[in-house]
């Protein structure tokens, strides 16, 4: 006869892959041409180096 263990016994579960949480994420905002021009005018450090 084995002595009782100190740990509570947990039911054995099979591995389940993680579920995607894509539905909880907000879709990205796409800027219009006017919005993008206004944003880049306000941020001269982001202008392309050409």
Protein backbone atom coordinates (compact mmCIF):
# COMPACT_ATOMS: atom_id res chain seq x y z
CA UNK A 1 0.00 0.00 0.00
CA UNK A 2 1.38 3.43 -0.98
CA UNK A 3 1.18 6.43 1.33
CA UNK A 4 -1.14 9.26 0.27
CA UNK A 5 0.61 11.97 -1.73
CA UNK A 6 0.75 15.58 -0.54
CA UNK A 7 -0.20 16.92 -3.97
CA UNK A 8 -3.84 17.06 -5.03
CA UNK A 9 -4.42 14.90 -8.07
CA UNK A 10 -5.30 16.78 -11.25
CA UNK A 11 -7.11 15.22 -14.18
CA UNK A 12 -4.85 14.55 -17.14
CA UNK A 13 -5.74 16.82 -20.06
CA UNK A 14 -4.69 16.41 -23.65
CA UNK A 15 -2.70 19.21 -25.28
CA UNK A 16 -4.80 21.78 -27.08
CA UNK A 17 -3.11 24.33 -29.34
CA UNK A 18 -3.69 27.97 -28.40
CA UNK A 19 -6.69 29.59 -29.99
CA UNK A 20 -6.05 32.65 -32.17
CA UNK A 21 -7.13 35.98 -30.75
CA UNK A 22 -7.41 37.73 -34.07
CA UNK A 23 -11.03 38.66 -33.49
CA UNK A 24 -10.09 40.73 -30.41
CA UNK A 25 -7.63 42.88 -32.31
CA UNK A 26 -8.76 46.12 -33.91
CA UNK A 27 -8.21 46.45 -37.64
CA UNK A 28 -5.44 48.85 -38.63
CA UNK A 29 -6.35 52.33 -39.78
CA UNK A 30 -5.41 53.11 -43.37
CA UNK A 31 -4.66 56.77 -43.92
CA UNK A 32 -6.03 58.59 -46.94
CA UNK A 33 -3.63 60.52 -49.15
CA UNK A 34 -4.58 63.82 -47.49
CA UNK A 35 -4.21 62.38 -43.98
CA UNK A 36 -0.84 60.87 -44.82
CA UNK A 37 0.42 64.15 -46.30
CA UNK A 38 -0.70 66.06 -43.21
CA UNK A 39 0.94 63.52 -40.91
CA UNK A 40 4.24 63.59 -42.79
CA UNK A 41 4.19 67.40 -42.88
CA UNK A 42 3.93 67.41 -39.10
CA UNK A 43 6.77 64.86 -38.75
CA UNK A 44 9.77 65.99 -40.84
CA UNK A 45 11.94 63.30 -39.23
CA UNK A 46 9.91 60.62 -41.05
CA UNK A 47 10.42 61.96 -44.56
CA UNK A 48 12.23 59.57 -46.91
CA UNK A 49 15.97 60.14 -47.28
CA UNK A 50 16.34 60.85 -50.98
